[in-house]
Amino acid sequence: MTIQITVRLDDDLVEAVDALVASGRARSRASVVEVALERHLRRELAARDVEILRGDVASGGDLDGLAAWAQQLPASAQLD
């Protein structure tokens, strides 16, 4: 399922996105935004993993914190 949303972007960003589409490097504006959001979410998940692991290493504990955090994530947030 997909949901349509509306976003406002600076003219320069739209020009850059349109150039990617025009050159064939992207299928559509939507695909550029989707890829960028997925990349951002993967980075956020990785940053949280690092924070959890640093906490476990610093306290000498095991990975219980990481396991508890992972269990609360919706399946859709667990990216390949």
PDB file of N, CA and C in Angstrom:
ATOM      1  N   MET A   1       0.838  -1.180   0.000  1.00  0.00           N
ATOM      2  CA  MET A   1       0.000   0.000   0.000  1.00  0.00           C
ATOM      3  C   MET A   1       0.886   1.247   0.000  1.00  0.00           C
ATOM      4  N   THR A   2       0.469   2.247  -0.695  1.00  0.00           N
ATOM      5  CA  THR A   2       1.180   3.524  -0.688  1.00  0.00           C
ATOM      6  C   THR A   2       0.211   4.622  -0.289  1.00  0.00           C
ATOM      7  N   ILE A   3       0.762   5.653   0.286  1.00  0.00           N
ATOM      8  CA  ILE A   3      -0.017   6.821   0.690  1.00  0.00           C
ATOM      9  C   ILE A   3       0.614   8.033   0.036  1.00  0.00           C
ATOM     10  N   GLN A   4      -0.210   8.843  -0.580  1.00  0.00           N
ATOM     11  CA  GLN A   4       0.298  10.054  -1.219  1.00  0.00           C
ATOM     12  C   GLN A   4       0.407  11.152  -0.182  1.00  0.00           C
ATOM     13  N   ILE A   5       1.551  11.845  -0.189  1.00  0.00           N
ATOM     14  CA  ILE A   5       1.757  12.985   0.701  1.00  0.00           C
ATOM     15  C   ILE A   5       2.191  14.181  -0.130  1.00  0.00           C
ATOM     16  N   THR A   6       2.100  15.342   0.460  1.00  0.00           N
ATOM     17  CA  THR A   6       2.536  16.562  -0.204  1.00  0.00           C
ATOM     18  C   THR A   6       3.690  17.157   0.587  1.00  0.00           C
ATOM     19  N   VAL A   7       4.757  17.496  -0.101  1.00  0.00           N
ATOM     20  CA  VAL A   7       5.895  18.144   0.549  1.00  0.00           C
ATOM     21  C   VAL A   7       6.277  19.381  -0.244  1.00  0.00           C
ATOM     22  N   ARG A   8       6.857  20.336   0.442  1.00  0.00           N
ATOM     23  CA  ARG A   8       7.370  21.538  -0.214  1.00  0.00           C
ATOM     24  C   ARG A   8       8.891  21.474  -0.171  1.00  0.00           C
ATOM     25  N   LEU A   9       9.493  21.693  -1.335  1.00  0.00           N
ATOM     26  CA  LEU A   9      10.952  21.645  -1.452  1.00  0.00           C
ATOM     27  C   LEU A   9      11.456  22.925  -2.085  1.00  0.00           C
ATOM     28  N   ASP A  10      12.676  23.296  -1.734  1.00  0.00           N
ATOM     29  CA  ASP A  10      13.325  24.451  -2.361  1.00  0.00           C
ATOM     30  C   ASP A  10      13.442  24.223  -3.863  1.00  0.00           C
ATOM     31  N   ASP A  11      13.420  25.296  -4.604  1.00  0.00           N
ATOM     32  CA  ASP A  11      13.537  25.216  -6.066  1.00  0.00           C
ATOM     33  C   ASP A  11      14.784  24.452  -6.492  1.00  0.00           C
ATOM     34  N   ASP A  12      15.892  24.682  -5.805  1.00  0.00           N
ATOM     35  CA  ASP A  12      17.150  24.016  -6.168  1.00  0.00           C
ATOM     36  C   ASP A  12      17.038  22.492  -6.025  1.00  0.00           C
ATOM     37  N   LEU A  13      16.369  22.043  -4.965  1.00  0.00           N
ATOM     38  CA  LEU A  13      16.192  20.601  -4.781  1.00  0.00           C
ATOM     39  C   LEU A  13      15.331  20.011  -5.884  1.00  0.00           C
ATOM     40  N   VAL A  14      14.264  20.695  -6.224  1.00  0.00           N
ATOM     41  CA  VAL A  14      13.377  20.199  -7.283  1.00  0.00           C
ATOM     42  C   VAL A  14      14.120  20.142  -8.616  1.00  0.00           C
ATOM     43  N   GLU A  15      14.923  21.146  -8.897  1.00  0.00           N
ATOM     44  CA  GLU A  15      15.713  21.139 -10.132  1.00  0.00           C
ATOM     45  C   GLU A  15      16.671  19.950 -10.152  1.00  0.00           C
ATOM     46  N   ALA A  16      17.295  19.673  -9.028  1.00  0.00           N
ATOM     47  CA  ALA A  16      18.223  18.546  -8.953  1.00  0.00           C
ATOM     48  C   ALA A  16      17.483  17.219  -9.137  1.00  0.00           C
ATOM     49  N   VAL A  17      16.331  17.087  -8.514  1.00  0.00           N
ATOM     50  CA  VAL A  17      15.526  15.874  -8.660  1.00  0.00           C
ATOM     51  C   VAL A  17      15.086  15.715 -10.114  1.00  0.00           C
ATOM     52  N   ASP A  18      14.597  16.788 -10.703  1.00  0.00           N
ATOM     53  CA  ASP A  18      14.158  16.739 -12.099  1.00  0.00           C
ATOM     54  C   ASP A  18      15.313  16.377 -13.036  1.00  0.00           C
ATOM     55  N   ALA A  19      16.505  16.839 -12.735  1.00  0.00           N
ATOM     56  CA  ALA A  19      17.668  16.492 -13.556  1.00  0.00           C
ATOM     57  C   ALA A  19      17.958  14.992 -13.469  1.00  0.00           C
ATOM     58  N   LEU A  20      17.812  14.410 -12.276  1.00  0.00           N
ATOM     59  CA  LEU A  20      18.009  12.959 -12.128  1.00  0.00           C
ATOM     60  C   LEU A  20      17.000  12.189 -12.963  1.00  0.00           C
ATOM     61  N   VAL A  21      15.762  12.636 -12.936  1.00  0.00           N
ATOM     62  CA  VAL A  21      14.713  11.964 -13.708  1.00  0.00           C
ATOM     63  C   VAL A  21      14.968  12.141 -15.205  1.00  0.00           C
ATOM     64  N   ALA A  22      15.282  13.354 -15.625  1.00  0.00           N
ATOM     65  CA  ALA A  22      15.504  13.634 -17.047  1.00  0.00           C
ATOM     66  C   ALA A  22      16.685  12.835 -17.604  1.00  0.00           C
ATOM     67  N   SER A  23      17.698  12.612 -16.769  1.00  0.00           N
ATOM     68  CA  SER A  23      18.879  11.873 -17.226  1.00  0.00           C
ATOM     69  C   SER A  23      18.666  10.363 -17.204  1.00  0.00           C
ATOM     70  N   GLY A  24      17.552   9.929 -16.646  1.00  0.00           N
ATOM     71  CA  GLY A  24      17.280   8.499 -16.560  1.00  0.00           C
ATOM     72  C   GLY A  24      17.873   7.830 -15.338  1.00  0.00           C
ATOM     73  N   ARG A  25      18.489   8.610 -14.462  1.00  0.00           N
ATOM     74  CA  ARG A  25      19.099   8.037 -13.250  1.00  0.00           C
ATOM     75  C   ARG A  25      18.069   7.749 -12.172  1.00  0.00           C
ATOM     76  N   ALA A  26      16.839   8.243 -12.362  1.00  0.00           N
ATOM     77  CA  ALA A  26      15.731   7.963 -11.442  1.00  0.00           C
ATOM     78  C   ALA A  26      14.457   7.821 -12.260  1.00  0.00           C
ATOM     79  N   ARG A  27      13.538   6.978 -11.764  1.00  0.00           N
ATOM     80  CA  ARG A  27      12.274   6.749 -12.472  1.00  0.00           C
ATOM     81  C   ARG A  27      11.336   7.941 -12.390  1.00  0.00           C
ATOM     82  N   SER A  28      11.322   8.583 -11.224  1.00  0.00           N
ATOM     83  CA  SER A  28      10.353   9.653 -10.998  1.00  0.00           C
ATOM     84  C   SER A  28      10.796  10.491  -9.810  1.00  0.00           C
ATOM     85  N   ARG A  29      10.129  11.617  -9.626  1.00  0.00           N
ATOM     86  CA  ARG A  29      10.388  12.431  -8.433  1.00  0.00           C
ATOM     87  C   ARG A  29      10.110  11.605  -7.179  1.00  0.00           C
ATOM     88  N   ALA A  30       9.013  10.881  -7.202  1.00  0.00           N
ATOM     89  CA  ALA A  30       8.632  10.085  -6.030  1.00  0.00           C
ATOM     90  C   ALA A  30       9.705   9.055  -5.687  1.00  0.00           C
ATOM     91  N   SER A  31      10.299   8.437  -6.699  1.00  0.00           N
ATOM     92  CA  SER A  31      11.322   7.429  -6.415  1.00  0.00           C
ATOM     93  C   SER A  31      12.564   8.057  -5.788  1.00  0.00           C
ATOM     94  N   VAL A  32      12.905   9.268  -6.192  1.00  0.00           N
ATOM     95  CA  VAL A  32      14.052   9.959  -5.599  1.00  0.00           C
ATOM     96  C   VAL A  32      13.776  10.237  -4.123  1.00  0.00           C
ATOM     97  N   VAL A  33      12.596  10.730  -3.825  1.00  0.00           N
ATOM     98  CA  VAL A  33      12.233  11.024  -2.437  1.00  0.00           C
ATOM     99  C   VAL A  33      12.189   9.739  -1.624  1.00  0.00           C
ATOM    100  N   GLU A  34      11.631   8.678  -2.184  1.00  0.00           N
ATOM    101  CA  GLU A  34      11.536   7.410  -1.471  1.00  0.00           C
ATOM    102  C   GLU A  34      12.915   6.853  -1.124  1.00  0.00           C
ATOM    103  N   VAL A  35      13.822   6.871  -2.085  1.00  0.00           N
ATOM    104  CA  VAL A  35      15.182   6.371  -1.847  1.00  0.00           C
ATOM    105  C   VAL A  35      15.875   7.215  -0.775  1.00  0.00           C
ATOM    106  N   ALA A  36      15.703   8.528  -0.853  1.00  0.00           N
ATOM    107  CA  ALA A  36      16.339   9.413   0.130  1.00  0.00           C
ATOM    108  C   ALA A  36      15.787   9.153   1.533  1.00  0.00           C
ATOM    109  N   LEU A  37      14.489   8.971   1.657  1.00  0.00           N
ATOM    110  CA  LEU A  37      13.895   8.695   2.969  1.00  0.00           C
ATOM    111  C   LEU A  37      14.342   7.342   3.513  1.00  0.00           C
ATOM    112  N   GLU A  38      14.384   6.332   2.655  1.00  0.00           N
ATOM    113  CA  GLU A  38      14.848   5.022   3.103  1.00  0.00           C
ATOM    114  C   GLU A  38      16.291   5.093   3.595  1.00  0.00           C
ATOM    115  N   ARG A  39      17.131   5.808   2.863  1.00  0.00           N
ATOM    116  CA  ARG A  39      18.532   5.962   3.264  1.00  0.00           C
ATOM    117  C   ARG A  39      18.620   6.676   4.620  1.00  0.00           C
ATOM    118  N   HIS A  40      17.836   7.716   4.802  1.00  0.00           N
ATOM    119  CA  HIS A  40      17.836   8.464   6.061  1.00  0.00           C
ATOM    120  C   HIS A  40      17.379   7.559   7.218  1.00  0.00           C
ATOM    121  N   LEU A  41      16.331   6.789   7.005  1.00  0.00           N
ATOM    122  CA  LEU A  41      15.839   5.905   8.061  1.00  0.00           C
ATOM    123  C   LEU A  41      16.860   4.829   8.421  1.00  0.00           C
ATOM    124  N   ARG A  42      17.568   4.280   7.418  1.00  0.00           N
ATOM    125  CA  ARG A  42      18.623   3.303   7.714  1.00  0.00           C
ATOM    126  C   ARG A  42      19.724   3.929   8.563  1.00  0.00           C
ATOM    127  N   ARG A  43      20.102   5.169   8.248  1.00  0.00           N
ATOM    128  CA  ARG A  43      21.123   5.858   9.043  1.00  0.00           C
ATOM    129  C   ARG A  43      20.647   6.086  10.476  1.00  0.00           C
ATOM    130  N   GLU A  44      19.384   6.463  10.639  1.00  0.00           N
ATOM    131  CA  GLU A  44      18.829   6.661  11.984  1.00  0.00           C
ATOM    132  C   GLU A  44      18.859   5.355  12.777  1.00  0.00           C
ATOM    133  N   LEU A  45      18.457   4.250  12.139  1.00  0.00           N
ATOM    134  CA  LEU A  45      18.493   2.958  12.821  1.00  0.00           C
ATOM    135  C   LEU A  45      19.923   2.578  13.208  1.00  0.00           C
ATOM    136  N   ALA A  46      20.861   2.820  12.315  1.00  0.00           N
ATOM    137  CA  ALA A  46      22.263   2.500  12.613  1.00  0.00           C
ATOM    138  C   ALA A  46      22.783   3.351  13.763  1.00  0.00           C
ATOM    139  N   ALA A  47      22.411   4.635  13.785  1.00  0.00           N
ATOM    140  CA  ALA A  47      22.850   5.517  14.875  1.00  0.00           C
ATOM    141  C   ALA A  47      22.290   5.046  16.211  1.00  0.00           C
ATOM    142  N   ARG A  48      21.032   4.607  16.214  1.00  0.00           N
ATOM    143  CA  ARG A  48      20.442   4.086  17.463  1.00  0.00           C
ATOM    144  C   ARG A  48      21.154   2.817  17.895  1.00  0.00           C
ATOM    145  N   ASP A  49      21.488   1.944  16.935  1.00  0.00           N
ATOM    146  CA  ASP A  49      22.225   0.723  17.270  1.00  0.00           C
ATOM    147  C   ASP A  49      23.555   1.059  17.928  1.00  0.00           C
ATOM    148  N   VAL A  50      24.246   2.036  17.379  1.00  0.00           N
ATOM    149  CA  VAL A  50      25.533   2.443  17.950  1.00  0.00           C
ATOM    150  C   VAL A  50      25.350   2.946  19.370  1.00  0.00           C
ATOM    151  N   GLU A  51      24.334   3.759  19.605  1.00  0.00           N
ATOM    152  CA  GLU A  51      24.084   4.269  20.961  1.00  0.00           C
ATOM    153  C   GLU A  51      23.817   3.128  21.925  1.00  0.00           C
ATOM    154  N   ILE A  52      23.014   2.170  21.503  1.00  0.00           N
ATOM    155  CA  ILE A  52      22.698   1.036  22.376  1.00  0.00           C
ATOM    156  C   ILE A  52      23.948   0.221  22.659  1.00  0.00           C
ATOM    157  N   LEU A  53      24.718  -0.063  21.621  1.00  0.00           N
ATOM    158  CA  LEU A  53      25.928  -0.867  21.811  1.00  0.00           C
ATOM    159  C   LEU A  53      26.959  -0.151  22.667  1.00  0.00           C
ATOM    160  N   ARG A  54      27.094   1.160  22.487  1.00  0.00           N
ATOM    161  CA  ARG A  54      28.023   1.911  23.329  1.00  0.00           C
ATOM    162  C   ARG A  54      27.604   1.846  24.788  1.00  0.00           C
ATOM    163  N   GLY A  55      26.325   1.927  25.043  1.00  0.00           N
ATOM    164  CA  GLY A  55      25.826   1.831  26.417  1.00  0.00           C
ATOM    165  C   GLY A  55      26.094   0.476  27.012  1.00  0.00           C
ATOM    166  N   ASP A  56      25.884  -0.586  26.240  1.00  0.00           N
ATOM    167  CA  ASP A  56      26.127  -1.936  26.731  1.00  0.00           C
ATOM    168  C   ASP A  56      27.608  -2.184  26.978  1.00  0.00           C
ATOM    169  N   VAL A  57      28.438  -1.713  26.080  1.00  0.00           N
ATOM    170  CA  VAL A  57      29.883  -1.914  26.242  1.00  0.00           C
ATOM    171  C   VAL A  57      30.384  -1.135  27.453  1.00  0.00           C
ATOM    172  N   ALA A  58      29.929   0.098  27.604  1.00  0.00           N
ATOM    173  CA  ALA A  58      30.379   0.940  28.709  1.00  0.00           C
ATOM    174  C   ALA A  58      29.979   0.361  30.057  1.00  0.00           C
ATOM    175  N   SER A  59      28.787  -0.254  30.119  1.00  0.00           N
ATOM    176  CA  SER A  59      28.323  -0.785  31.396  1.00  0.00           C
ATOM    177  C   SER A  59      28.756  -2.222  31.623  1.00  0.00           C
ATOM    178  N   GLY A  60      29.408  -2.818  30.622  1.00  0.00           N
ATOM    179  CA  GLY A  60      29.842  -4.201  30.762  1.00  0.00           C
ATOM    180  C   GLY A  60      28.715  -5.192  30.595  1.00  0.00           C
ATOM    181  N   GLY A  61      27.534  -4.733  30.176  1.00  0.00           N
ATOM    182  CA  GLY A  61      26.381  -5.607  30.025  1.00  0.00           C
ATOM    183  C   GLY A  61      26.398  -6.351  28.705  1.00  0.00           C
ATOM    184  N   ASP A  62      25.314  -7.130  28.503  1.00  0.00           N
ATOM    185  CA  ASP A  62      25.211  -7.862  27.242  1.00  0.00           C
ATOM    186  C   ASP A  62      24.333  -7.068  26.276  1.00  0.00           C
ATOM    187  N   LEU A  63      23.742  -7.713  25.331  1.00  0.00           N
ATOM    188  CA  LEU A  63      22.971  -7.023  24.302  1.00  0.00           C
ATOM    189  C   LEU A  63      21.471  -7.007  24.595  1.00  0.00           C
ATOM    190  N   ASP A  64      21.095  -7.098  25.868  1.00  0.00           N
ATOM    191  CA  ASP A  64      19.675  -7.077  26.218  1.00  0.00           C
ATOM    192  C   ASP A  64      19.002  -5.786  25.773  1.00  0.00           C
ATOM    193  N   GLY A  65      19.702  -4.660  25.887  1.00  0.00           N
ATOM    194  CA  GLY A  65      19.139  -3.383  25.462  1.00  0.00           C
ATOM    195  C   GLY A  65      18.838  -3.363  23.979  1.00  0.00           C
ATOM    196  N   LEU A  66      19.739  -3.901  23.180  1.00  0.00           N
ATOM    197  CA  LEU A  66      19.532  -3.959  21.737  1.00  0.00           C
ATOM    198  C   LEU A  66      18.360  -4.871  21.399  1.00  0.00           C
ATOM    199  N   ALA A  67      18.286  -6.013  22.050  1.00  0.00           N
ATOM    200  CA  ALA A  67      17.184  -6.945  21.789  1.00  0.00           C
ATOM    201  C   ALA A  67      15.844  -6.328  22.166  1.00  0.00           C
ATOM    202  N   ALA A  68      15.777  -5.659  23.293  1.00  0.00           N
ATOM    203  CA  ALA A  68      14.524  -5.025  23.720  1.00  0.00           C
ATOM    204  C   ALA A  68      14.108  -3.938  22.749  1.00  0.00           C
ATOM    205  N   TRP A  69      15.073  -3.165  22.289  1.00  0.00           N
ATOM    206  CA  TRP A  69      14.766  -2.095  21.335  1.00  0.00           C
ATOM    207  C   TRP A  69      14.265  -2.684  20.023  1.00  0.00           C
ATOM    208  N   ALA A  70      14.910  -3.729  19.525  1.00  0.00           N
ATOM    209  CA  ALA A  70      14.538  -4.336  18.253  1.00  0.00           C
ATOM    210  C   ALA A  70      13.142  -4.937  18.317  1.00  0.00           C
ATOM    211  N   GLN A  71      12.756  -5.471  19.463  1.00  0.00           N
ATOM    212  CA  GLN A  71      11.435  -6.076  19.602  1.00  0.00           C
ATOM    213  C   GLN A  71      10.315  -5.056  19.481  1.00  0.00           C
ATOM    214  N   GLN A  72      10.559  -3.820  19.848  1.00  0.00           N
ATOM    215  CA  GLN A  72       9.502  -2.816  19.791  1.00  0.00           C
ATOM    216  C   GLN A  72       9.331  -2.204  18.412  1.00  0.00           C
ATOM    217  N   LEU A  73      10.238  -2.514  17.475  1.00  0.00           N
ATOM    218  CA  LEU A  73      10.140  -1.961  16.114  1.00  0.00           C
ATOM    219  C   LEU A  73       9.061  -2.679  15.316  1.00  0.00           C
ATOM    220  N   PRO A  74       8.276  -1.927  14.538  1.00  0.00           N
ATOM    221  CA  PRO A  74       7.344  -2.590  13.622  1.00  0.00           C
ATOM    222  C   PRO A  74       8.126  -3.314  12.542  1.00  0.00           C
ATOM    223  N   ALA A  75       7.577  -4.376  12.003  1.00  0.00           N
ATOM    224  CA  ALA A  75       8.277  -5.155  10.989  1.00  0.00           C
ATOM    225  C   ALA A  75       8.668  -4.300   9.797  1.00  0.00           C
ATOM    226  N   SER A  76       7.861  -3.299   9.458  1.00  0.00           N
ATOM    227  CA  SER A  76       8.158  -2.447   8.304  1.00  0.00           C
ATOM    228  C   SER A  76       9.396  -1.587   8.514  1.00  0.00           C
ATOM    229  N   ALA A  77       9.820  -1.370   9.756  1.00  0.00           N
ATOM    230  CA  ALA A  77      10.992  -0.544  10.048  1.00  0.00           C
ATOM    231  C   ALA A  77      12.285  -1.339   9.945  1.00  0.00           C
ATOM    232  N   GLN A  78      12.186  -2.644   9.874  1.00  0.00           N
ATOM    233  CA  GLN A  78      13.370  -3.484   9.800  1.00  0.00           C
ATOM    234  C   GLN A  78      13.757  -3.623   8.338  1.00  0.00           C
ATOM    235  N   LEU A  79      14.677  -2.764   7.914  1.00  0.00           N
ATOM    236  CA  LEU A  79      15.073  -2.692   6.513  1.00  0.00           C
ATOM    237  C   LEU A  79      16.132  -3.729   6.204  1.00  0.00           C
ATOM    238  N   ASP A  80      16.173  -4.156   4.949  1.00  0.00           N
ATOM    239  CA  ASP A  80      17.172  -5.139   4.512  1.00  0.00           C
ATOM    240  C   ASP A  80      18.557  -4.587   4.593  1.00  0.00           C
TER     241      ASP A  80
END
